[in-house]
Amino acid sequence: MKVAVVLACLLVAVAAKPQFGTFGLGGFGGARGSANSGSTQGQSSGLFGNNQIQNSFANAQGSAFGRGASLNSAGSNVGQSIGLFGNRQFANNRATSNQFGR
């Protein structure tokens, strides 16, 4: 019974293994990549009015060869709301870079 459970677990692990095609250099490959994101925000009120600064960035990049894979995603947004209880600024940044090699 224990052997059957171990075999079942191994079968699940093999079935869940990611597959990335069959092209390549003799059945091996690799990948590399990077991701970064950030934001800058500032607000000042003075005699001549309000000044606001908002900057947001996100980037992700990668490369793969052979049977490797590189999955990259990035996004950013900024926003501002002016309301009865004051002003608000916000920024959302997301950057991911995932590499798989064989």
PDB file of N, CA and C in Angstrom:
ATOM      1  N   MET A   1       0.826  -1.196   0.000  1.00  0.00           N
ATOM      2  CA  MET A   1       0.000   0.000   0.000  1.00  0.00           C
ATOM      3  C   MET A   1       0.864   1.251   0.000  1.00  0.00           C
ATOM      4  N   LYS A   2       1.944   1.260   0.829  1.00  0.00           N
ATOM      5  CA  LYS A   2       2.825   2.425   0.867  1.00  0.00           C
ATOM      6  C   LYS A   2       3.507   2.637  -0.480  1.00  0.00           C
ATOM      7  N   VAL A   3       3.858   1.543  -1.151  1.00  0.00           N
ATOM      8  CA  VAL A   3       4.507   1.644  -2.457  1.00  0.00           C
ATOM      9  C   VAL A   3       3.563   2.292  -3.460  1.00  0.00           C
ATOM     10  N   ALA A   4       2.290   1.952  -3.413  1.00  0.00           N
ATOM     11  CA  ALA A   4       1.307   2.528  -4.331  1.00  0.00           C
ATOM     12  C   ALA A   4       1.169   4.030  -4.101  1.00  0.00           C
ATOM     13  N   VAL A   5       1.190   4.465  -2.856  1.00  0.00           N
ATOM     14  CA  VAL A   5       1.081   5.895  -2.546  1.00  0.00           C
ATOM     15  C   VAL A   5       2.300   6.640  -3.063  1.00  0.00           C
ATOM     16  N   VAL A   6       3.487   6.085  -2.865  1.00  0.00           N
ATOM     17  CA  VAL A   6       4.719   6.721  -3.351  1.00  0.00           C
ATOM     18  C   VAL A   6       4.700   6.807  -4.873  1.00  0.00           C
ATOM     19  N   LEU A   7       4.295   5.730  -5.546  1.00  0.00           N
ATOM     20  CA  LEU A   7       4.223   5.749  -7.002  1.00  0.00           C
ATOM     21  C   LEU A   7       3.212   6.768  -7.494  1.00  0.00           C
ATOM     22  N   ALA A   8       2.088   6.874  -6.823  1.00  0.00           N
ATOM     23  CA  ALA A   8       1.074   7.858  -7.208  1.00  0.00           C
ATOM     24  C   ALA A   8       1.628   9.268  -7.071  1.00  0.00           C
ATOM     25  N   CYS A   9       2.380   9.542  -6.010  1.00  0.00           N
ATOM     26  CA  CYS A   9       2.983  10.862  -5.830  1.00  0.00           C
ATOM     27  C   CYS A   9       3.995  11.149  -6.928  1.00  0.00           C
ATOM     28  N   LEU A  10       4.789  10.154  -7.303  1.00  0.00           N
ATOM     29  CA  LEU A  10       5.763  10.348  -8.374  1.00  0.00           C
ATOM     30  C   LEU A  10       5.080  10.624  -9.702  1.00  0.00           C
ATOM     31  N   LEU A  11       3.992   9.935  -9.973  1.00  0.00           N
ATOM     32  CA  LEU A  11       3.259  10.165 -11.210  1.00  0.00           C
ATOM     33  C   LEU A  11       2.694  11.575 -11.258  1.00  0.00           C
ATOM     34  N   VAL A  12       2.186  12.060 -10.148  1.00  0.00           N
ATOM     35  CA  VAL A  12       1.661  13.426 -10.092  1.00  0.00           C
ATOM     36  C   VAL A  12       2.781  14.422 -10.325  1.00  0.00           C
ATOM     37  N   ALA A  13       3.946  14.199  -9.734  1.00  0.00           N
ATOM     38  CA  ALA A  13       5.075  15.118  -9.903  1.00  0.00           C
ATOM     39  C   ALA A  13       5.532  15.154 -11.358  1.00  0.00           C
ATOM     40  N   VAL A  14       5.571  14.006 -12.016  1.00  0.00           N
ATOM     41  CA  VAL A  14       5.983  13.975 -13.419  1.00  0.00           C
ATOM     42  C   VAL A  14       4.940  14.642 -14.294  1.00  0.00           C
ATOM     43  N   ALA A  15       3.674  14.419 -14.017  1.00  0.00           N
ATOM     44  CA  ALA A  15       2.611  15.019 -14.816  1.00  0.00           C
ATOM     45  C   ALA A  15       2.588  16.535 -14.659  1.00  0.00           C
ATOM     46  N   ALA A  16       2.990  17.053 -13.496  1.00  0.00           N
ATOM     47  CA  ALA A  16       2.946  18.490 -13.250  1.00  0.00           C
ATOM     48  C   ALA A  16       4.182  19.215 -13.747  1.00  0.00           C
ATOM     49  N   LYS A  17       5.177  18.487 -14.219  1.00  0.00           N
ATOM     50  CA  LYS A  17       6.420  19.104 -14.684  1.00  0.00           C
ATOM     51  C   LYS A  17       6.149  19.934 -15.939  1.00  0.00           C
ATOM     52  N   PRO A  18       6.607  21.202 -15.992  1.00  0.00           N
ATOM     53  CA  PRO A  18       6.349  22.031 -17.164  1.00  0.00           C
ATOM     54  C   PRO A  18       7.055  21.495 -18.407  1.00  0.00           C
ATOM     55  N   GLN A  19       6.409  21.605 -19.526  1.00  0.00           N
ATOM     56  CA  GLN A  19       6.978  21.160 -20.792  1.00  0.00           C
ATOM     57  C   GLN A  19       7.168  22.372 -21.701  1.00  0.00           C
ATOM     58  N   PHE A  20       8.318  22.469 -22.336  1.00  0.00           N
ATOM     59  CA  PHE A  20       8.621  23.626 -23.165  1.00  0.00           C
ATOM     60  C   PHE A  20       9.068  23.220 -24.570  1.00  0.00           C
ATOM     61  N   GLY A  21       8.370  22.330 -25.208  1.00  0.00           N
ATOM     62  CA  GLY A  21       8.693  21.978 -26.581  1.00  0.00           C
ATOM     63  C   GLY A  21       9.879  21.037 -26.687  1.00  0.00           C
ATOM     64  N   THR A  22      10.207  20.679 -27.927  1.00  0.00           N
ATOM     65  CA  THR A  22      11.274  19.710 -28.135  1.00  0.00           C
ATOM     66  C   THR A  22      12.394  20.251 -29.012  1.00  0.00           C
ATOM     67  N   PHE A  23      12.396  21.533 -29.327  1.00  0.00           N
ATOM     68  CA  PHE A  23      13.478  22.100 -30.111  1.00  0.00           C
ATOM     69  C   PHE A  23      14.680  22.336 -29.211  1.00  0.00           C
ATOM     70  N   GLY A  24      15.814  22.629 -29.802  1.00  0.00           N
ATOM     71  CA  GLY A  24      16.942  22.993 -28.960  1.00  0.00           C
ATOM     72  C   GLY A  24      18.250  22.386 -29.396  1.00  0.00           C
ATOM     73  N   LEU A  25      19.230  22.564 -28.553  1.00  0.00           N
ATOM     74  CA  LEU A  25      20.589  22.129 -28.828  1.00  0.00           C
ATOM     75  C   LEU A  25      20.848  20.817 -28.096  1.00  0.00           C
ATOM     76  N   GLY A  26      20.445  19.731 -28.677  1.00  0.00           N
ATOM     77  CA  GLY A  26      20.709  18.440 -28.071  1.00  0.00           C
ATOM     78  C   GLY A  26      19.947  18.182 -26.786  1.00  0.00           C
ATOM     79  N   GLY A  27      18.840  18.839 -26.563  1.00  0.00           N
ATOM     80  CA  GLY A  27      18.004  18.554 -25.407  1.00  0.00           C
ATOM     81  C   GLY A  27      18.350  19.328 -24.154  1.00  0.00           C
ATOM     82  N   PHE A  28      19.069  20.436 -24.241  1.00  0.00           N
ATOM     83  CA  PHE A  28      19.319  21.233 -23.052  1.00  0.00           C
ATOM     84  C   PHE A  28      19.068  22.698 -23.384  1.00  0.00           C
ATOM     85  N   GLY A  29      19.026  23.513 -22.377  1.00  0.00           N
ATOM     86  CA  GLY A  29      18.799  24.932 -22.606  1.00  0.00           C
ATOM     87  C   GLY A  29      18.933  25.709 -21.319  1.00  0.00           C
ATOM     88  N   GLY A  30      18.779  26.988 -21.420  1.00  0.00           N
ATOM     89  CA  GLY A  30      18.873  27.848 -20.254  1.00  0.00           C
ATOM     90  C   GLY A  30      18.178  29.163 -20.519  1.00  0.00           C
ATOM     91  N   ALA A  31      18.063  29.959 -19.482  1.00  0.00           N
ATOM     92  CA  ALA A  31      17.386  31.245 -19.612  1.00  0.00           C
ATOM     93  C   ALA A  31      17.892  32.185 -18.538  1.00  0.00           C
ATOM     94  N   ARG A  32      17.745  33.472 -18.805  1.00  0.00           N
ATOM     95  CA  ARG A  32      18.074  34.475 -17.801  1.00  0.00           C
ATOM     96  C   ARG A  32      17.157  35.667 -17.990  1.00  0.00           C
ATOM     97  N   GLY A  33      17.024  36.472 -16.940  1.00  0.00           N
ATOM     98  CA  GLY A  33      16.156  37.634 -17.044  1.00  0.00           C
ATOM     99  C   GLY A  33      16.235  38.502 -15.815  1.00  0.00           C
ATOM    100  N   SER A  34      15.537  39.627 -15.889  1.00  0.00           N
ATOM    101  CA  SER A  34      15.506  40.558 -14.767  1.00  0.00           C
ATOM    102  C   SER A  34      14.198  41.329 -14.793  1.00  0.00           C
ATOM    103  N   ALA A  35      13.833  41.859 -13.638  1.00  0.00           N
ATOM    104  CA  ALA A  35      12.612  42.658 -13.523  1.00  0.00           C
ATOM    105  C   ALA A  35      12.824  43.722 -12.461  1.00  0.00           C
ATOM    106  N   ASN A  36      12.289  44.906 -12.709  1.00  0.00           N
ATOM    107  CA  ASN A  36      12.335  45.949 -11.687  1.00  0.00           C
ATOM    108  C   ASN A  36      11.188  46.925 -11.876  1.00  0.00           C
ATOM    109  N   SER A  37      10.841  47.586 -10.801  1.00  0.00           N
ATOM    110  CA  SER A  37       9.769  48.574 -10.843  1.00  0.00           C
ATOM    111  C   SER A  37       9.981  49.583  -9.723  1.00  0.00           C
ATOM    112  N   GLY A  38       9.362  50.727  -9.861  1.00  0.00           N
ATOM    113  CA  GLY A  38       9.490  51.743  -8.827  1.00  0.00           C
ATOM    114  C   GLY A  38       8.597  52.930  -9.120  1.00  0.00           C
ATOM    115  N   SER A  39       8.508  53.816  -8.169  1.00  0.00           N
ATOM    116  CA  SER A  39       7.689  55.012  -8.346  1.00  0.00           C
ATOM    117  C   SER A  39       8.261  56.163  -7.533  1.00  0.00           C
ATOM    118  N   THR A  40       7.976  57.379  -7.996  1.00  0.00           N
ATOM    119  CA  THR A  40       8.354  58.601  -7.299  1.00  0.00           C
ATOM    120  C   THR A  40       7.112  59.466  -7.204  1.00  0.00           C
ATOM    121  N   GLN A  41       6.838  59.957  -6.011  1.00  0.00           N
ATOM    122  CA  GLN A  41       5.671  60.803  -5.823  1.00  0.00           C
ATOM    123  C   GLN A  41       6.030  61.980  -4.930  1.00  0.00           C
ATOM    124  N   GLY A  42       5.454  63.114  -5.226  1.00  0.00           N
ATOM    125  CA  GLY A  42       5.673  64.278  -4.385  1.00  0.00           C
ATOM    126  C   GLY A  42       4.548  65.281  -4.562  1.00  0.00           C
ATOM    127  N   GLN A  43       4.318  66.049  -3.540  1.00  0.00           N
ATOM    128  CA  GLN A  43       3.256  67.052  -3.588  1.00  0.00           C
ATOM    129  C   GLN A  43       3.644  68.206  -2.675  1.00  0.00           C
ATOM    130  N   SER A  44       3.464  69.416  -3.173  1.00  0.00           N
ATOM    131  CA  SER A  44       3.732  70.587  -2.341  1.00  0.00           C
ATOM    132  C   SER A  44       2.674  71.644  -2.601  1.00  0.00           C
ATOM    133  N   SER A  45       2.298  72.339  -1.562  1.00  0.00           N
ATOM    134  CA  SER A  45       1.334  73.427  -1.662  1.00  0.00           C
ATOM    135  C   SER A  45       2.039  74.720  -1.280  1.00  0.00           C
ATOM    136  N   GLY A  46       1.832  75.740  -2.077  1.00  0.00           N
ATOM    137  CA  GLY A  46       2.496  77.008  -1.796  1.00  0.00           C
ATOM    138  C   GLY A  46       1.642  78.191  -2.185  1.00  0.00           C
ATOM    139  N   LEU A  47       2.276  79.334  -2.173  1.00  0.00           N
ATOM    140  CA  LEU A  47       1.602  80.593  -2.453  1.00  0.00           C
ATOM    141  C   LEU A  47       1.047  80.635  -3.870  1.00  0.00           C
ATOM    142  N   PHE A  48       1.727  79.976  -4.803  1.00  0.00           N
ATOM    143  CA  PHE A  48       1.324  80.045  -6.205  1.00  0.00           C
ATOM    144  C   PHE A  48       0.601  78.789  -6.681  1.00  0.00           C
ATOM    145  N   GLY A  49       0.110  78.010  -5.773  1.00  0.00           N
ATOM    146  CA  GLY A  49      -0.662  76.831  -6.146  1.00  0.00           C
ATOM    147  C   GLY A  49      -0.015  75.536  -5.689  1.00  0.00           C
ATOM    148  N   ASN A  50      -0.535  74.454  -6.195  1.00  0.00           N
ATOM    149  CA  ASN A  50      -0.063  73.121  -5.818  1.00  0.00           C
ATOM    150  C   ASN A  50       0.826  72.537  -6.915  1.00  0.00           C
ATOM    151  N   ASN A  51       1.872  71.874  -6.514  1.00  0.00           N
ATOM    152  CA  ASN A  51       2.735  71.145  -7.441  1.00  0.00           C
ATOM    153  C   ASN A  51       2.678  69.663  -7.092  1.00  0.00           C
ATOM    154  N   GLN A  52       2.529  68.856  -8.124  1.00  0.00           N
ATOM    155  CA  GLN A  52       2.484  67.417  -7.906  1.00  0.00           C
ATOM    156  C   GLN A  52       3.370  66.721  -8.927  1.00  0.00           C
ATOM    157  N   ILE A  53       4.025  65.708  -8.469  1.00  0.00           N
ATOM    158  CA  ILE A  53       4.892  64.905  -9.347  1.00  0.00           C
ATOM    159  C   ILE A  53       4.529  63.440  -9.160  1.00  0.00           C
ATOM    160  N   GLN A  54       4.386  62.727 -10.237  1.00  0.00           N
ATOM    161  CA  GLN A  54       4.132  61.292 -10.173  1.00  0.00           C
ATOM    162  C   GLN A  54       4.897  60.613 -11.301  1.00  0.00           C
ATOM    163  N   ASN A  55       5.632  59.615 -10.955  1.00  0.00           N
ATOM    164  CA  ASN A  55       6.372  58.843 -11.944  1.00  0.00           C
ATOM    165  C   ASN A  55       6.322  57.377 -11.523  1.00  0.00           C
ATOM    166  N   SER A  56       6.039  56.525 -12.467  1.00  0.00           N
ATOM    167  CA  SER A  56       5.946  55.103 -12.169  1.00  0.00           C
ATOM    168  C   SER A  56       6.536  54.325 -13.342  1.00  0.00           C
ATOM    169  N   PHE A  57       7.294  53.293 -13.039  1.00  0.00           N
ATOM    170  CA  PHE A  57       7.878  52.497 -14.117  1.00  0.00           C
ATOM    171  C   PHE A  57       7.936  51.033 -13.713  1.00  0.00           C
ATOM    172  N   ALA A  58       7.924  50.190 -14.705  1.00  0.00           N
ATOM    173  CA  ALA A  58       8.080  48.746 -14.499  1.00  0.00           C
ATOM    174  C   ALA A  58       8.605  48.148 -15.787  1.00  0.00           C
ATOM    175  N   ASN A  59       9.583  47.276 -15.683  1.00  0.00           N
ATOM    176  CA  ASN A  59      10.045  46.561 -16.866  1.00  0.00           C
ATOM    177  C   ASN A  59      10.535  45.171 -16.478  1.00  0.00           C
ATOM    178  N   ALA A  60      10.389  44.285 -17.420  1.00  0.00           N
ATOM    179  CA  ALA A  60      10.839  42.898 -17.239  1.00  0.00           C
ATOM    180  C   ALA A  60      11.371  42.418 -18.574  1.00  0.00           C
ATOM    181  N   GLN A  61      12.486  41.740 -18.538  1.00  0.00           N
ATOM    182  CA  GLN A  61      13.058  41.237 -19.778  1.00  0.00           C
ATOM    183  C   GLN A  61      13.787  39.929 -19.521  1.00  0.00           C
ATOM    184  N   GLY A  62      13.903  39.146 -20.552  1.00  0.00           N
ATOM    185  CA  GLY A  62      14.598  37.879 -20.408  1.00  0.00           C
ATOM    186  C   GLY A  62      14.904  37.272 -21.758  1.00  0.00           C
ATOM    187  N   SER A  63      15.745  36.270 -21.738  1.00  0.00           N
ATOM    188  CA  SER A  63      16.076  35.554 -22.964  1.00  0.00           C
ATOM    189  C   SER A  63      16.257  34.080 -22.629  1.00  0.00           C
ATOM    190  N   ALA A  64      16.038  33.254 -23.616  1.00  0.00           N
ATOM    191  CA  ALA A  64      16.149  31.806 -23.418  1.00  0.00           C
ATOM    192  C   ALA A  64      16.786  31.188 -24.651  1.00  0.00           C
ATOM    193  N   PHE A  65      17.427  30.054 -24.464  1.00  0.00           N
ATOM    194  CA  PHE A  65      17.971  29.318 -25.596  1.00  0.00           C
ATOM    195  C   PHE A  65      17.714  27.837 -25.393  1.00  0.00           C
ATOM    196  N   GLY A  66      17.751  27.109 -26.505  1.00  0.00           N
ATOM    197  CA  GLY A  66      17.514  25.671 -26.441  1.00  0.00           C
ATOM    198  C   GLY A  66      16.125  25.373 -25.918  1.00  0.00           C
ATOM    199  N   ARG A  67      16.073  24.544 -24.898  1.00  0.00           N
ATOM    200  CA  ARG A  67      14.787  24.158 -24.331  1.00  0.00           C
ATOM    201  C   ARG A  67      14.457  24.967 -23.088  1.00  0.00           C
ATOM    202  N   GLY A  68      15.022  26.138 -22.970  1.00  0.00           N
ATOM    203  CA  GLY A  68      14.704  27.018 -21.856  1.00  0.00           C
ATOM    204  C   GLY A  68      13.506  27.890 -22.189  1.00  0.00           C
ATOM    205  N   ALA A  69      12.947  28.510 -21.173  1.00  0.00           N
ATOM    206  CA  ALA A  69      11.817  29.416 -21.357  1.00  0.00           C
ATOM    207  C   ALA A  69      11.982  30.609 -20.436  1.00  0.00           C
ATOM    208  N   SER A  70      11.564  31.756 -20.919  1.00  0.00           N
ATOM    209  CA  SER A  70      11.625  32.983 -20.135  1.00  0.00           C
ATOM    210  C   SER A  70      10.268  33.665 -20.221  1.00  0.00           C
ATOM    211  N   LEU A  71       9.611  33.827 -19.092  1.00  0.00           N
ATOM    212  CA  LEU A  71       8.287  34.435 -19.029  1.00  0.00           C
ATOM    213  C   LEU A  71       8.403  35.745 -18.266  1.00  0.00           C
ATOM    214  N   ASN A  72       8.002  36.852 -18.904  1.00  0.00           N
ATOM    215  CA  ASN A  72       8.200  38.176 -18.324  1.00  0.00           C
ATOM    216  C   ASN A  72       6.920  38.986 -18.406  1.00  0.00           C
ATOM    217  N   SER A  73       6.661  39.745 -17.362  1.00  0.00           N
ATOM    218  CA  SER A  73       5.462  40.568 -17.319  1.00  0.00           C
ATOM    219  C   SER A  73       5.725  41.795 -16.459  1.00  0.00           C
ATOM    220  N   ALA A  74       5.216  42.948 -16.894  1.00  0.00           N
ATOM    221  CA  ALA A  74       5.417  44.175 -16.124  1.00  0.00           C
ATOM    222  C   ALA A  74       4.248  45.121 -16.357  1.00  0.00           C
ATOM    223  N   GLY A  75       3.934  45.911 -15.356  1.00  0.00           N
ATOM    224  CA  GLY A  75       2.889  46.915 -15.493  1.00  0.00           C
ATOM    225  C   GLY A  75       2.955  47.921 -14.363  1.00  0.00           C
ATOM    226  N   SER A  76       2.523  49.122 -14.645  1.00  0.00           N
ATOM    227  CA  SER A  76       2.502  50.149 -13.605  1.00  0.00           C
ATOM    228  C   SER A  76       1.406  51.151 -13.914  1.00  0.00           C
ATOM    229  N   ASN A  77       0.871  51.759 -12.884  1.00  0.00           N
ATOM    230  CA  ASN A  77      -0.079  52.845 -13.073  1.00  0.00           C
ATOM    231  C   ASN A  77      -0.027  53.792 -11.882  1.00  0.00           C
ATOM    232  N   VAL A  78      -0.411  55.014 -12.135  1.00  0.00           N
ATOM    233  CA  VAL A  78      -0.463  56.028 -11.086  1.00  0.00           C
ATOM    234  C   VAL A  78      -1.841  56.662 -11.115  1.00  0.00           C
ATOM    235  N   GLY A  79      -2.241  57.213 -10.010  1.00  0.00           N
ATOM    236  CA  GLY A  79      -3.539  57.856  -9.940  1.00  0.00           C
ATOM    237  C   GLY A  79      -3.572  58.936  -8.887  1.00  0.00           C
ATOM    238  N   GLN A  80      -4.604  59.712  -8.970  1.00  0.00           N
ATOM    239  CA  GLN A  80      -4.755  60.829  -8.041  1.00  0.00           C
ATOM    240  C   GLN A  80      -6.238  61.044  -7.810  1.00  0.00           C
ATOM    241  N   SER A  81      -6.595  61.296  -6.583  1.00  0.00           N
ATOM    242  CA  SER A  81      -7.979  61.637  -6.284  1.00  0.00           C
ATOM    243  C   SER A  81      -8.008  62.901  -5.429  1.00  0.00           C
ATOM    244  N   ILE A  82      -8.908  63.780  -5.778  1.00  0.00           N
ATOM    245  CA  ILE A  82      -9.089  65.035  -5.045  1.00  0.00           C
ATOM    246  C   ILE A  82     -10.487  64.981  -4.450  1.00  0.00           C
ATOM    247  N   GLY A  83     -10.562  65.070  -3.152  1.00  0.00           N
ATOM    248  CA  GLY A  83     -11.857  64.935  -2.506  1.00  0.00           C
ATOM    249  C   GLY A  83     -12.050  65.899  -1.358  1.00  0.00           C
ATOM    250  N   LEU A  84     -13.117  65.701  -0.673  1.00  0.00           N
ATOM    251  CA  LEU A  84     -13.507  66.563   0.433  1.00  0.00           C
ATOM    252  C   LEU A  84     -12.494  66.521   1.565  1.00  0.00           C
ATOM    253  N   PHE A  85     -11.845  65.382   1.760  1.00  0.00           N
ATOM    254  CA  PHE A  85     -10.918  65.221   2.883  1.00  0.00           C
ATOM    255  C   PHE A  85      -9.451  65.331   2.460  1.00  0.00           C
ATOM    256  N   GLY A  86      -9.186  65.862   1.300  1.00  0.00           N
ATOM    257  CA  GLY A  86      -7.805  66.056   0.877  1.00  0.00           C
ATOM    258  C   GLY A  86      -7.484  65.318  -0.412  1.00  0.00           C
ATOM    259  N   ASN A  87      -6.246  65.444  -0.810  1.00  0.00           N
ATOM    260  CA  ASN A  87      -5.775  64.817  -2.044  1.00  0.00           C
ATOM    261  C   ASN A  87      -5.028  63.524  -1.728  1.00  0.00           C
ATOM    262  N   ARG A  88      -5.133  62.595  -2.646  1.00  0.00           N
ATOM    263  CA  ARG A  88      -4.428  61.321  -2.494  1.00  0.00           C
ATOM    264  C   ARG A  88      -3.705  60.994  -3.782  1.00  0.00           C
ATOM    265  N   GLN A  89      -2.532  60.425  -3.656  1.00  0.00           N
ATOM    266  CA  GLN A  89      -1.803  59.918  -4.809  1.00  0.00           C
ATOM    267  C   GLN A  89      -1.480  58.447  -4.555  1.00  0.00           C
ATOM    268  N   PHE A  90      -1.512  57.662  -5.611  1.00  0.00           N
ATOM    269  CA  PHE A  90      -1.152  56.261  -5.440  1.00  0.00           C
ATOM    270  C   PHE A  90      -0.437  55.749  -6.683  1.00  0.00           C
ATOM    271  N   ALA A  91       0.337  54.712  -6.485  1.00  0.00           N
ATOM    272  CA  ALA A  91       1.047  54.061  -7.592  1.00  0.00           C
ATOM    273  C   ALA A  91       1.045  52.559  -7.360  1.00  0.00           C
ATOM    274  N   ASN A  92       0.814  51.816  -8.411  1.00  0.00           N
ATOM    275  CA  ASN A  92       0.871  50.355  -8.371  1.00  0.00           C
ATOM    276  C   ASN A  92       1.910  49.891  -9.385  1.00  0.00           C
ATOM    277  N   ASN A  93       2.855  49.102  -8.925  1.00  0.00           N
ATOM    278  CA  ASN A  93       3.918  48.597  -9.791  1.00  0.00           C
ATOM    279  C   ASN A  93       3.996  47.081  -9.672  1.00  0.00           C
ATOM    280  N   ARG A  94       4.199  46.438 -10.811  1.00  0.00           N
ATOM    281  CA  ARG A  94       4.316  44.984 -10.815  1.00  0.00           C
ATOM    282  C   ARG A  94       5.301  44.585 -11.907  1.00  0.00           C
ATOM    283  N   ALA A  95       6.253  43.756 -11.547  1.00  0.00           N
ATOM    284  CA  ALA A  95       7.204  43.246 -12.536  1.00  0.00           C
ATOM    285  C   ALA A  95       7.647  41.849 -12.116  1.00  0.00           C
ATOM    286  N   THR A  96       7.508  40.896 -13.010  1.00  0.00           N
ATOM    287  CA  THR A  96       7.940  39.529 -12.722  1.00  0.00           C
ATOM    288  C   THR A  96       8.738  38.992 -13.907  1.00  0.00           C
ATOM    289  N   SER A  97       9.731  38.208 -13.600  1.00  0.00           N
ATOM    290  CA  SER A  97      10.548  37.565 -14.625  1.00  0.00           C
ATOM    291  C   SER A  97      10.865  36.155 -14.140  1.00  0.00           C
ATOM    292  N   ASN A  98      10.382  35.164 -14.849  1.00  0.00           N
ATOM    293  CA  ASN A  98      10.574  33.761 -14.468  1.00  0.00           C
ATOM    294  C   ASN A  98      11.321  33.028 -15.574  1.00  0.00           C
ATOM    295  N   GLN A  99      12.341  32.286 -15.177  1.00  0.00           N
ATOM    296  CA  GLN A  99      13.137  31.538 -16.137  1.00  0.00           C
ATOM    297  C   GLN A  99      13.114  30.045 -15.810  1.00  0.00           C
ATOM    298  N   PHE A 100      13.115  29.243 -16.862  1.00  0.00           N
ATOM    299  CA  PHE A 100      13.152  27.796 -16.720  1.00  0.00           C
ATOM    300  C   PHE A 100      14.225  27.254 -17.657  1.00  0.00           C
ATOM    301  N   GLY A 101      15.058  26.396 -17.157  1.00  0.00           N
ATOM    302  CA  GLY A 101      16.093  25.773 -17.977  1.00  0.00           C
ATOM    303  C   GLY A 101      16.043  24.262 -17.834  1.00  0.00           C
ATOM    304  N   ARG A 102      16.641  23.575 -18.794  1.00  0.00           N
ATOM    305  CA  ARG A 102      16.662  22.111 -18.747  1.00  0.00           C
ATOM    306  C   ARG A 102      18.059  21.626 -18.924  1.00  0.00           C
TER     307      ARG A 102
END
